[in-house]
Amino acid sequence: ENGAVEYDGTNYYVTSGGTRYTLARTLTASAVLDFPSTSNNSTSTLTITVNGAADGDVVSLGVPTSAISVNNTYSAYVSAANTVSVVFHNYSGGNANPGSGTFRVAVMKY
C-alpha cells in the first residue's frame, strides 16, 4: 500500500508508487581534521569515531571546502569497530598540506 511504513524487527520499509524501499539505518559523526603535509603520490590517514560502525559498512564522506585542492582527493572506510578512517590522497606534483575543517561521515548499516 502506498505510504505504508513497516518494520520487520531489523529494517524499516516504505512503499511509494508501488515500490517497496528499505530505509537506510544511518550513523553520523563529524570531527575537525587537520591532515599533515603529504608528499606527492602518497596518503595520510586520520580517524573519526562513529559508534556502531562495523567492518564492511558503507561510508559517505563530506569534505569541507577548506580542505579541497587541485589534484587531491579523499576516501573513507570503516577501519575498526566504531572507527572510520579518512584518507587524504595527494596526486599533485609536490607536497600538499590541505586546510583543516569539519569532515562529516555517514555510515549506512544493512
PDB file of N, CA and C in Angstrom:
ATOM      1  N   GLU A   1       0.848  -1.171   0.000  1.00  0.00           N
ATOM      2  CA  GLU A   1       0.000   0.000   0.000  1.00  0.00           C
ATOM      3  C   GLU A   1       0.901   1.244   0.000  1.00  0.00           C
ATOM      4  N   ASN A   2       0.645   2.184  -0.922  1.00  0.00           N
ATOM      5  CA  ASN A   2       1.439   3.410  -0.989  1.00  0.00           C
ATOM      6  C   ASN A   2       1.362   4.180   0.320  1.00  0.00           C
ATOM      7  N   GLY A   3       2.544   4.639   0.792  1.00  0.00           N
ATOM      8  CA  GLY A   3       2.619   5.388   2.034  1.00  0.00           C
ATOM      9  C   GLY A   3       2.798   4.522   3.260  1.00  0.00           C
ATOM     10  N   ALA A   4       2.732   3.206   3.090  1.00  0.00           N
ATOM     11  CA  ALA A   4       2.867   2.306   4.230  1.00  0.00           C
ATOM     12  C   ALA A   4       4.308   2.289   4.724  1.00  0.00           C
ATOM     13  N   VAL A   5       4.473   2.293   6.046  1.00  0.00           N
ATOM     14  CA  VAL A   5       5.777   2.137   6.683  1.00  0.00           C
ATOM     15  C   VAL A   5       5.702   0.875   7.525  1.00  0.00           C
ATOM     16  N   GLU A   6       6.700   0.002   7.347  1.00  0.00           N
ATOM     17  CA  GLU A   6       6.705  -1.277   8.047  1.00  0.00           C
ATOM     18  C   GLU A   6       8.040  -1.473   8.758  1.00  0.00           C
ATOM     19  N   TYR A   7       8.033  -2.310   9.782  1.00  0.00           N
ATOM     20  CA  TYR A   7       9.250  -2.692  10.491  1.00  0.00           C
ATOM     21  C   TYR A   7       9.194  -4.189  10.721  1.00  0.00           C
ATOM     22  N   ASP A   8      10.251  -4.905  10.331  1.00  0.00           N
ATOM     23  CA  ASP A   8      10.251  -6.362  10.477  1.00  0.00           C
ATOM     24  C   ASP A   8      11.147  -6.850  11.613  1.00  0.00           C
ATOM     25  N   GLY A   9      11.532  -5.938  12.508  1.00  0.00           N
ATOM     26  CA  GLY A   9      12.421  -6.302  13.600  1.00  0.00           C
ATOM     27  C   GLY A   9      13.879  -6.005  13.302  1.00  0.00           C
ATOM     28  N   THR A  10      14.182  -5.800  12.021  1.00  0.00           N
ATOM     29  CA  THR A  10      15.542  -5.471  11.612  1.00  0.00           C
ATOM     30  C   THR A  10      15.582  -4.190  10.794  1.00  0.00           C
ATOM     31  N   ASN A  11      14.709  -4.101   9.789  1.00  0.00           N
ATOM     32  CA  ASN A  11      14.701  -2.963   8.877  1.00  0.00           C
ATOM     33  C   ASN A  11      13.336  -2.294   8.812  1.00  0.00           C
ATOM     34  N   TYR A  12      13.379  -1.010   8.447  1.00  0.00           N
ATOM     35  CA  TYR A  12      12.158  -0.265   8.148  1.00  0.00           C
ATOM     36  C   TYR A  12      11.980  -0.233   6.638  1.00  0.00           C
ATOM     37  N   TYR A  13      10.718  -0.230   6.201  1.00  0.00           N
ATOM     38  CA  TYR A  13      10.398  -0.186   4.777  1.00  0.00           C
ATOM     39  C   TYR A  13       9.329   0.866   4.555  1.00  0.00           C
ATOM     40  N   VAL A  14       9.341   1.460   3.362  1.00  0.00           N
ATOM     41  CA  VAL A  14       8.287   2.381   2.965  1.00  0.00           C
ATOM     42  C   VAL A  14       7.886   2.036   1.541  1.00  0.00           C
ATOM     43  N   THR A  15       6.611   2.145   1.246  1.00  0.00           N
ATOM     44  CA  THR A  15       6.120   1.868  -0.097  1.00  0.00           C
ATOM     45  C   THR A  15       5.675   3.158  -0.745  1.00  0.00           C
ATOM     46  N   SER A  16       6.154   3.377  -1.965  1.00  0.00           N
ATOM     47  CA  SER A  16       5.805   4.577  -2.733  1.00  0.00           C
ATOM     48  C   SER A  16       5.714   4.203  -4.205  1.00  0.00           C
ATOM     49  N   GLY A  17       4.617   4.583  -4.841  1.00  0.00           N
ATOM     50  CA  GLY A  17       4.446   4.286  -6.263  1.00  0.00           C
ATOM     51  C   GLY A  17       4.479   2.808  -6.575  1.00  0.00           C
ATOM     52  N   GLY A  18       4.063   1.992  -5.620  1.00  0.00           N
ATOM     53  CA  GLY A  18       4.035   0.552  -5.833  1.00  0.00           C
ATOM     54  C   GLY A  18       5.379  -0.136  -5.598  1.00  0.00           C
ATOM     55  N   THR A  19       6.412   0.624  -5.242  1.00  0.00           N
ATOM     56  CA  THR A  19       7.730   0.048  -4.983  1.00  0.00           C
ATOM     57  C   THR A  19       8.025   0.091  -3.494  1.00  0.00           C
ATOM     58  N   ARG A  20       8.488  -1.027  -2.957  1.00  0.00           N
ATOM     59  CA  ARG A  20       8.831  -1.115  -1.536  1.00  0.00           C
ATOM     60  C   ARG A  20      10.327  -0.836  -1.383  1.00  0.00           C
ATOM     61  N   TYR A  21      10.681   0.172  -0.567  1.00  0.00           N
ATOM     62  CA  TYR A  21      12.067   0.574  -0.344  1.00  0.00           C
ATOM     63  C   TYR A  21      12.494   0.225   1.069  1.00  0.00           C
ATOM     64  N   THR A  22      13.745  -0.177   1.216  1.00  0.00           N
ATOM     65  CA  THR A  22      14.334  -0.369   2.538  1.00  0.00           C
ATOM     66  C   THR A  22      14.958   0.954   2.948  1.00  0.00           C
ATOM     67  N   LEU A  23      14.577   1.455   4.130  1.00  0.00           N
ATOM     68  CA  LEU A  23      15.152   2.699   4.630  1.00  0.00           C
ATOM     69  C   LEU A  23      16.510   2.400   5.257  1.00  0.00           C
ATOM     70  N   ALA A  24      17.489   3.205   4.910  1.00  0.00           N
ATOM     71  CA  ALA A  24      18.838   3.000   5.430  1.00  0.00           C
ATOM     72  C   ALA A  24      18.902   3.393   6.900  1.00  0.00           C
ATOM     73  N   ARG A  25      19.535   2.547   7.677  1.00  0.00           N
ATOM     74  CA  ARG A  25      19.834   2.890   9.065  1.00  0.00           C
ATOM     75  C   ARG A  25      21.188   3.588   9.019  1.00  0.00           C
ATOM     76  N   THR A  26      21.238   4.819   9.464  1.00  0.00           N
ATOM     77  CA  THR A  26      22.424   5.645   9.274  1.00  0.00           C
ATOM     78  C   THR A  26      22.986   6.146  10.594  1.00  0.00           C
ATOM     79  N   LEU A  27      24.291   5.995  10.744  1.00  0.00           N
ATOM     80  CA  LEU A  27      25.038   6.554  11.869  1.00  0.00           C
ATOM     81  C   LEU A  27      25.791   7.764  11.342  1.00  0.00           C
ATOM     82  N   THR A  28      25.890   8.822  12.120  1.00  0.00           N
ATOM     83  CA  THR A  28      26.603  10.010  11.656  1.00  0.00           C
ATOM     84  C   THR A  28      27.560  10.513  12.735  1.00  0.00           C
ATOM     85  N   ALA A  29      28.600  11.198  12.265  1.00  0.00           N
ATOM     86  CA  ALA A  29      29.556  11.837  13.166  1.00  0.00           C
ATOM     87  C   ALA A  29      30.327  12.881  12.383  1.00  0.00           C
ATOM     88  N   SER A  30      30.982  13.769  13.104  1.00  0.00           N
ATOM     89  CA  SER A  30      31.840  14.761  12.453  1.00  0.00           C
ATOM     90  C   SER A  30      33.026  15.045  13.373  1.00  0.00           C
ATOM     91  N   ALA A  31      34.096  15.544  12.759  1.00  0.00           N
ATOM     92  CA  ALA A  31      35.290  15.895  13.532  1.00  0.00           C
ATOM     93  C   ALA A  31      36.103  16.886  12.728  1.00  0.00           C
ATOM     94  N   VAL A  32      36.788  17.765  13.437  1.00  0.00           N
ATOM     95  CA  VAL A  32      37.729  18.664  12.783  1.00  0.00           C
ATOM     96  C   VAL A  32      39.005  17.866  12.537  1.00  0.00           C
ATOM     97  N   LEU A  33      39.390  17.754  11.267  1.00  0.00           N
ATOM     98  CA  LEU A  33      40.603  17.036  10.890  1.00  0.00           C
ATOM     99  C   LEU A  33      41.595  18.015  10.285  1.00  0.00           C
ATOM    100  N   ASP A  34      42.857  17.845  10.622  1.00  0.00           N
ATOM    101  CA  ASP A  34      43.931  18.675  10.093  1.00  0.00           C
ATOM    102  C   ASP A  34      45.038  17.749   9.604  1.00  0.00           C
ATOM    103  N   PHE A  35      44.981  17.414   8.318  1.00  0.00           N
ATOM    104  CA  PHE A  35      45.944  16.490   7.740  1.00  0.00           C
ATOM    105  C   PHE A  35      47.325  17.133   7.673  1.00  0.00           C
ATOM    106  N   PRO A  36      48.370  16.343   7.861  1.00  0.00           N
ATOM    107  CA  PRO A  36      49.726  16.879   7.766  1.00  0.00           C
ATOM    108  C   PRO A  36      50.121  17.097   6.307  1.00  0.00           C
ATOM    109  N   SER A  37      51.215  17.795   6.105  1.00  0.00           N
ATOM    110  CA  SER A  37      51.776  17.929   4.764  1.00  0.00           C
ATOM    111  C   SER A  37      52.080  16.522   4.251  1.00  0.00           C
ATOM    112  N   THR A  38      51.629  16.234   3.038  1.00  0.00           N
ATOM    113  CA  THR A  38      51.713  14.885   2.475  1.00  0.00           C
ATOM    114  C   THR A  38      52.465  14.945   1.157  1.00  0.00           C
ATOM    115  N   SER A  39      53.450  14.102   0.995  1.00  0.00           N
ATOM    116  CA  SER A  39      54.271  14.136  -0.219  1.00  0.00           C
ATOM    117  C   SER A  39      53.507  13.620  -1.436  1.00  0.00           C
ATOM    118  N   ASN A  40      54.023  13.944  -2.608  1.00  0.00           N
ATOM    119  CA  ASN A  40      53.426  13.558  -3.887  1.00  0.00           C
ATOM    120  C   ASN A  40      53.211  12.044  -3.962  1.00  0.00           C
ATOM    121  N   ASN A  41      52.081  11.653  -4.513  1.00  0.00           N
ATOM    122  CA  ASN A  41      51.717  10.248  -4.715  1.00  0.00           C
ATOM    123  C   ASN A  41      51.747   9.428  -3.431  1.00  0.00           C
ATOM    124  N   SER A  42      51.318  10.030  -2.335  1.00  0.00           N
ATOM    125  CA  SER A  42      51.207   9.294  -1.083  1.00  0.00           C
ATOM    126  C   SER A  42      49.921   9.699  -0.371  1.00  0.00           C
ATOM    127  N   THR A  43      49.687   9.124   0.789  1.00  0.00           N
ATOM    128  CA  THR A  43      48.450   9.366   1.526  1.00  0.00           C
ATOM    129  C   THR A  43      48.738   9.681   2.984  1.00  0.00           C
ATOM    130  N   SER A  44      47.770  10.300   3.637  1.00  0.00           N
ATOM    131  CA  SER A  44      47.757  10.499   5.086  1.00  0.00           C
ATOM    132  C   SER A  44      46.380  10.074   5.577  1.00  0.00           C
ATOM    133  N   THR A  45      46.323   9.467   6.754  1.00  0.00           N
ATOM    134  CA  THR A  45      45.068   8.944   7.283  1.00  0.00           C
ATOM    135  C   THR A  45      44.816   9.466   8.690  1.00  0.00           C
ATOM    136  N   LEU A  46      43.597   9.944   8.926  1.00  0.00           N
ATOM    137  CA  LEU A  46      43.123  10.338  10.249  1.00  0.00           C
ATOM    138  C   LEU A  46      41.805   9.611  10.494  1.00  0.00           C
ATOM    139  N   THR A  47      41.328   9.587  11.735  1.00  0.00           N
ATOM    140  CA  THR A  47      40.120   8.819  12.043  1.00  0.00           C
ATOM    141  C   THR A  47      39.043   9.668  12.712  1.00  0.00           C
ATOM    142  N   ILE A  48      37.814   9.176  12.571  1.00  0.00           N
ATOM    143  CA  ILE A  48      36.647   9.752  13.230  1.00  0.00           C
ATOM    144  C   ILE A  48      35.928   8.606  13.945  1.00  0.00           C
ATOM    145  N   THR A  49      35.563   8.810  15.194  1.00  0.00           N
ATOM    146  CA  THR A  49      34.803   7.805  15.944  1.00  0.00           C
ATOM    147  C   THR A  49      33.339   7.858  15.529  1.00  0.00           C
ATOM    148  N   VAL A  50      32.801   6.705  15.139  1.00  0.00           N
ATOM    149  CA  VAL A  50      31.385   6.571  14.800  1.00  0.00           C
ATOM    150  C   VAL A  50      30.880   5.338  15.541  1.00  0.00           C
ATOM    151  N   ASN A  51      30.251   5.555  16.682  1.00  0.00           N
ATOM    152  CA  ASN A  51      29.773   4.430  17.481  1.00  0.00           C
ATOM    153  C   ASN A  51      28.785   3.582  16.697  1.00  0.00           C
ATOM    154  N   GLY A  52      29.056   2.274  16.648  1.00  0.00           N
ATOM    155  CA  GLY A  52      28.197   1.338  15.935  1.00  0.00           C
ATOM    156  C   GLY A  52      28.706   0.960  14.564  1.00  0.00           C
ATOM    157  N   ALA A  53      29.715   1.674  14.043  1.00  0.00           N
ATOM    158  CA  ALA A  53      30.268   1.349  12.723  1.00  0.00           C
ATOM    159  C   ALA A  53      30.980   0.007  12.778  1.00  0.00           C
ATOM    160  N   ALA A  54      30.819  -0.788  11.708  1.00  0.00           N
ATOM    161  CA  ALA A  54      31.428  -2.118  11.660  1.00  0.00           C
ATOM    162  C   ALA A  54      32.033  -2.363  10.283  1.00  0.00           C
ATOM    163  N   ASP A  55      32.978  -3.280  10.239  1.00  0.00           N
ATOM    164  CA  ASP A  55      33.667  -3.638   9.001  1.00  0.00           C
ATOM    165  C   ASP A  55      32.666  -3.914   7.881  1.00  0.00           C
ATOM    166  N   GLY A  56      32.900  -3.307   6.733  1.00  0.00           N
ATOM    167  CA  GLY A  56      32.049  -3.531   5.570  1.00  0.00           C
ATOM    168  C   GLY A  56      30.876  -2.588   5.438  1.00  0.00           C
ATOM    169  N   ASP A  57      30.596  -1.768   6.460  1.00  0.00           N
ATOM    170  CA  ASP A  57      29.512  -0.788   6.338  1.00  0.00           C
ATOM    171  C   ASP A  57      29.854   0.223   5.241  1.00  0.00           C
ATOM    172  N   VAL A  58      28.841   0.776   4.619  1.00  0.00           N
ATOM    173  CA  VAL A  58      29.010   1.784   3.579  1.00  0.00           C
ATOM    174  C   VAL A  58      29.251   3.135   4.236  1.00  0.00           C
ATOM    175  N   VAL A  59      30.265   3.870   3.741  1.00  0.00           N
ATOM    176  CA  VAL A  59      30.618   5.167   4.319  1.00  0.00           C
ATOM    177  C   VAL A  59      30.501   6.250   3.252  1.00  0.00           C
ATOM    178  N   SER A  60      29.817   7.334   3.598  1.00  0.00           N
ATOM    179  CA  SER A  60      29.782   8.537   2.771  1.00  0.00           C
ATOM    180  C   SER A  60      30.545   9.623   3.512  1.00  0.00           C
ATOM    181  N   LEU A  61      31.282  10.441   2.761  1.00  0.00           N
ATOM    182  CA  LEU A  61      32.158  11.432   3.364  1.00  0.00           C
ATOM    183  C   LEU A  61      31.822  12.828   2.872  1.00  0.00           C
ATOM    184  N   GLY A  62      31.692  13.759   3.799  1.00  0.00           N
ATOM    185  CA  GLY A  62      31.521  15.173   3.481  1.00  0.00           C
ATOM    186  C   GLY A  62      32.828  15.895   3.757  1.00  0.00           C
ATOM    187  N   VAL A  63      33.375  16.538   2.729  1.00  0.00           N
ATOM    188  CA  VAL A  63      34.672  17.217   2.837  1.00  0.00           C
ATOM    189  C   VAL A  63      34.439  18.722   2.839  1.00  0.00           C
ATOM    190  N   PRO A  64      35.014  19.443   3.806  1.00  0.00           N
ATOM    191  CA  PRO A  64      34.844  20.897   3.830  1.00  0.00           C
ATOM    192  C   PRO A  64      35.634  21.557   2.697  1.00  0.00           C
ATOM    193  N   THR A  65      35.130  22.658   2.190  1.00  0.00           N
ATOM    194  CA  THR A  65      35.816  23.342   1.082  1.00  0.00           C
ATOM    195  C   THR A  65      37.217  23.790   1.481  1.00  0.00           C
ATOM    196  N   SER A  66      37.455  24.054   2.751  1.00  0.00           N
ATOM    197  CA  SER A  66      38.783  24.481   3.200  1.00  0.00           C
ATOM    198  C   SER A  66      39.847  23.414   2.982  1.00  0.00           C
ATOM    199  N   ALA A  67      39.440  22.159   2.809  1.00  0.00           N
ATOM    200  CA  ALA A  67      40.385  21.055   2.662  1.00  0.00           C
ATOM    201  C   ALA A  67      40.522  20.570   1.226  1.00  0.00           C
ATOM    202  N   ILE A  68      39.830  21.216   0.294  1.00  0.00           N
ATOM    203  CA  ILE A  68      39.860  20.781  -1.104  1.00  0.00           C
ATOM    204  C   ILE A  68      40.924  21.558  -1.868  1.00  0.00           C
ATOM    205  N   SER A  69      41.717  20.824  -2.658  1.00  0.00           N
ATOM    206  CA  SER A  69      42.704  21.450  -3.534  1.00  0.00           C
ATOM    207  C   SER A  69      42.855  20.614  -4.799  1.00  0.00           C
ATOM    208  N   VAL A  70      43.485  21.201  -5.797  1.00  0.00           N
ATOM    209  CA  VAL A  70      43.623  20.564  -7.108  1.00  0.00           C
ATOM    210  C   VAL A  70      44.491  19.312  -7.007  1.00  0.00           C
ATOM    211  N   ASN A  71      44.100  18.270  -7.720  1.00  0.00           N
ATOM    212  CA  ASN A  71      44.838  17.005  -7.826  1.00  0.00           C
ATOM    213  C   ASN A  71      44.954  16.244  -6.500  1.00  0.00           C
ATOM    214  N   ASN A  72      43.984  16.430  -5.631  1.00  0.00           N
ATOM    215  CA  ASN A  72      43.919  15.689  -4.375  1.00  0.00           C
ATOM    216  C   ASN A  72      42.500  15.184  -4.191  1.00  0.00           C
ATOM    217  N   THR A  73      42.360  14.122  -3.419  1.00  0.00           N
ATOM    218  CA  THR A  73      41.030  13.584  -3.147  1.00  0.00           C
ATOM    219  C   THR A  73      41.020  12.921  -1.769  1.00  0.00           C
ATOM    220  N   TYR A  74      39.837  12.514  -1.329  1.00  0.00           N
ATOM    221  CA  TYR A  74      39.656  11.854  -0.038  1.00  0.00           C
ATOM    222  C   TYR A  74      38.825  10.586  -0.230  1.00  0.00           C
ATOM    223  N   SER A  75      39.028   9.634   0.645  1.00  0.00           N
ATOM    224  CA  SER A  75      38.173   8.457   0.713  1.00  0.00           C
ATOM    225  C   SER A  75      37.988   8.107   2.190  1.00  0.00           C
ATOM    226  N   ALA A  76      37.014   7.244   2.473  1.00  0.00           N
ATOM    227  CA  ALA A  76      36.754   6.858   3.858  1.00  0.00           C
ATOM    228  C   ALA A  76      36.226   5.432   3.899  1.00  0.00           C
ATOM    229  N   TYR A  77      36.553   4.743   4.984  1.00  0.00           N
ATOM    230  CA  TYR A  77      36.096   3.369   5.185  1.00  0.00           C
ATOM    231  C   TYR A  77      36.112   3.051   6.673  1.00  0.00           C
ATOM    232  N   VAL A  78      35.360   2.021   7.073  1.00  0.00           N
ATOM    233  CA  VAL A  78      35.386   1.572   8.459  1.00  0.00           C
ATOM    234  C   VAL A  78      36.646   0.727   8.623  1.00  0.00           C
ATOM    235  N   SER A  79      37.575   1.208   9.456  1.00  0.00           N
ATOM    236  CA  SER A  79      38.860   0.527   9.617  1.00  0.00           C
ATOM    237  C   SER A  79      38.904  -0.362  10.862  1.00  0.00           C
ATOM    238  N   ALA A  80      37.990  -0.144  11.799  1.00  0.00           N
ATOM    239  CA  ALA A  80      37.878  -0.948  13.018  1.00  0.00           C
ATOM    240  C   ALA A  80      36.507  -0.664  13.614  1.00  0.00           C
ATOM    241  N   ALA A  81      36.092  -1.457  14.559  1.00  0.00           N
ATOM    242  CA  ALA A  81      34.807  -1.209  15.208  1.00  0.00           C
ATOM    243  C   ALA A  81      34.762   0.221  15.735  1.00  0.00           C
ATOM    244  N   ASN A  82      33.695   0.935  15.384  1.00  0.00           N
ATOM    245  CA  ASN A  82      33.458   2.316  15.835  1.00  0.00           C
ATOM    246  C   ASN A  82      34.442   3.335  15.270  1.00  0.00           C
ATOM    247  N   THR A  83      35.190   2.985  14.235  1.00  0.00           N
ATOM    248  CA  THR A  83      36.218   3.882  13.707  1.00  0.00           C
ATOM    249  C   THR A  83      36.140   3.974  12.188  1.00  0.00           C
ATOM    250  N   VAL A  84      36.044   5.216  11.686  1.00  0.00           N
ATOM    251  CA  VAL A  84      36.107   5.470  10.244  1.00  0.00           C
ATOM    252  C   VAL A  84      37.440   6.144   9.952  1.00  0.00           C
ATOM    253  N   SER A  85      38.197   5.585   9.022  1.00  0.00           N
ATOM    254  CA  SER A  85      39.439   6.191   8.574  1.00  0.00           C
ATOM    255  C   SER A  85      39.149   7.082   7.382  1.00  0.00           C
ATOM    256  N   VAL A  86      39.659   8.307   7.430  1.00  0.00           N
ATOM    257  CA  VAL A  86      39.548   9.254   6.327  1.00  0.00           C
ATOM    258  C   VAL A  86      40.944   9.387   5.738  1.00  0.00           C
ATOM    259  N   VAL A  87      41.058   9.135   4.430  1.00  0.00           N
ATOM    260  CA  VAL A  87      42.355   9.113   3.770  1.00  0.00           C
ATOM    261  C   VAL A  87      42.462  10.280   2.797  1.00  0.00           C
ATOM    262  N   PHE A  88      43.545  11.065   2.946  1.00  0.00           N
ATOM    263  CA  PHE A  88      43.869  12.145   2.012  1.00  0.00           C
ATOM    264  C   PHE A  88      44.843  11.578   0.988  1.00  0.00           C
ATOM    265  N   HIS A  89      44.482  11.682  -0.307  1.00  0.00           N
ATOM    266  CA  HIS A  89      45.311  11.184  -1.402  1.00  0.00           C
ATOM    267  C   HIS A  89      45.907  12.382  -2.132  1.00  0.00           C
ATOM    268  N   ASN A  90      47.225  12.480  -2.171  1.00  0.00           N
ATOM    269  CA  ASN A  90      47.904  13.581  -2.855  1.00  0.00           C
ATOM    270  C   ASN A  90      48.408  13.104  -4.215  1.00  0.00           C
ATOM    271  N   TYR A  91      47.775  13.602  -5.281  1.00  0.00           N
ATOM    272  CA  TYR A  91      48.173  13.259  -6.646  1.00  0.00           C
ATOM    273  C   TYR A  91      48.847  14.440  -7.339  1.00  0.00           C
ATOM    274  N   SER A  92      49.187  15.477  -6.590  1.00  0.00           N
ATOM    275  CA  SER A  92      49.792  16.669  -7.179  1.00  0.00           C
ATOM    276  C   SER A  92      51.269  16.416  -7.472  1.00  0.00           C
ATOM    277  N   GLY A  93      51.945  17.413  -8.015  1.00  0.00           N
ATOM    278  CA  GLY A  93      53.354  17.274  -8.368  1.00  0.00           C
ATOM    279  C   GLY A  93      54.302  17.530  -7.212  1.00  0.00           C
ATOM    280  N   GLY A  94      53.793  17.810  -6.019  1.00  0.00           N
ATOM    281  CA  GLY A  94      54.658  18.102  -4.880  1.00  0.00           C
ATOM    282  C   GLY A  94      53.928  17.860  -3.582  1.00  0.00           C
ATOM    283  N   ASN A  95      54.484  18.353  -2.499  1.00  0.00           N
ATOM    284  CA  ASN A  95      53.835  18.223  -1.195  1.00  0.00           C
ATOM    285  C   ASN A  95      52.517  18.985  -1.181  1.00  0.00           C
ATOM    286  N   ALA A  96      51.551  18.481  -0.436  1.00  0.00           N
ATOM    287  CA  ALA A  96      50.263  19.153  -0.284  1.00  0.00           C
ATOM    288  C   ALA A  96      49.901  19.172   1.195  1.00  0.00           C
ATOM    289  N   ASN A  97      49.446  20.320   1.666  1.00  0.00           N
ATOM    290  CA  ASN A  97      49.029  20.460   3.056  1.00  0.00           C
ATOM    291  C   ASN A  97      47.617  21.057   3.066  1.00  0.00           C
ATOM    292  N   PRO A  98      46.590  20.173   3.036  1.00  0.00           N
ATOM    293  CA  PRO A  98      45.214  20.674   2.976  1.00  0.00           C
ATOM    294  C   PRO A  98      44.845  21.440   4.242  1.00  0.00           C
ATOM    295  N   GLY A  99      43.932  22.383   4.104  1.00  0.00           N
ATOM    296  CA  GLY A  99      43.441  23.129   5.256  1.00  0.00           C
ATOM    297  C   GLY A  99      42.611  22.241   6.161  1.00  0.00           C
ATOM    298  N   SER A 100      42.558  22.603   7.423  1.00  0.00           N
ATOM    299  CA  SER A 100      41.737  21.836   8.361  1.00  0.00           C
ATOM    300  C   SER A 100      40.273  22.231   8.203  1.00  0.00           C
ATOM    301  N   GLY A 101      39.400  21.400   8.693  1.00  0.00           N
ATOM    302  CA  GLY A 101      37.975  21.687   8.632  1.00  0.00           C
ATOM    303  C   GLY A 101      37.177  20.546   9.219  1.00  0.00           C
ATOM    304  N   THR A 102      35.879  20.739   9.284  1.00  0.00           N
ATOM    305  CA  THR A 102      34.980  19.728   9.834  1.00  0.00           C
ATOM    306  C   THR A 102      34.575  18.743   8.749  1.00  0.00           C
ATOM    307  N   PHE A 103      35.013  17.513   8.905  1.00  0.00           N
ATOM    308  CA  PHE A 103      34.653  16.426   7.998  1.00  0.00           C
ATOM    309  C   PHE A 103      33.451  15.714   8.598  1.00  0.00           C
ATOM    310  N   ARG A 104      32.509  15.310   7.750  1.00  0.00           N
ATOM    311  CA  ARG A 104      31.310  14.625   8.206  1.00  0.00           C
ATOM    312  C   ARG A 104      31.240  13.240   7.556  1.00  0.00           C
ATOM    313  N   VAL A 105      30.843  12.254   8.341  1.00  0.00           N
ATOM    314  CA  VAL A 105      30.678  10.911   7.806  1.00  0.00           C
ATOM    315  C   VAL A 105      29.286  10.400   8.118  1.00  0.00           C
ATOM    316  N   ALA A 106      28.770   9.617   7.203  1.00  0.00           N
ATOM    317  CA  ALA A 106      27.526   8.885   7.396  1.00  0.00           C
ATOM    318  C   ALA A 106      27.831   7.411   7.104  1.00  0.00           C
ATOM    319  N   VAL A 107      27.485   6.561   8.039  1.00  0.00           N
ATOM    320  CA  VAL A 107      27.724   5.133   7.897  1.00  0.00           C
ATOM    321  C   VAL A 107      26.372   4.461   7.798  1.00  0.00           C
ATOM    322  N   MET A 108      26.154   3.726   6.700  1.00  0.00           N
ATOM    323  CA  MET A 108      24.882   3.042   6.496  1.00  0.00           C
ATOM    324  C   MET A 108      25.002   1.584   6.933  1.00  0.00           C
ATOM    325  N   LYS A 109      24.056   1.185   7.756  1.00  0.00           N
ATOM    326  CA  LYS A 109      24.001  -0.185   8.277  1.00  0.00           C
ATOM    327  C   LYS A 109      23.017  -1.007   7.457  1.00  0.00           C
ATOM    328  N   TYR A 110      23.355  -2.246   7.180  1.00  0.00           N
ATOM    329  CA  TYR A 110      22.466  -3.158   6.456  1.00  0.00           C
ATOM    330  C   TYR A 110      22.246  -4.408   7.268  1.00  0.00           C
TER     331      TYR A 110
END
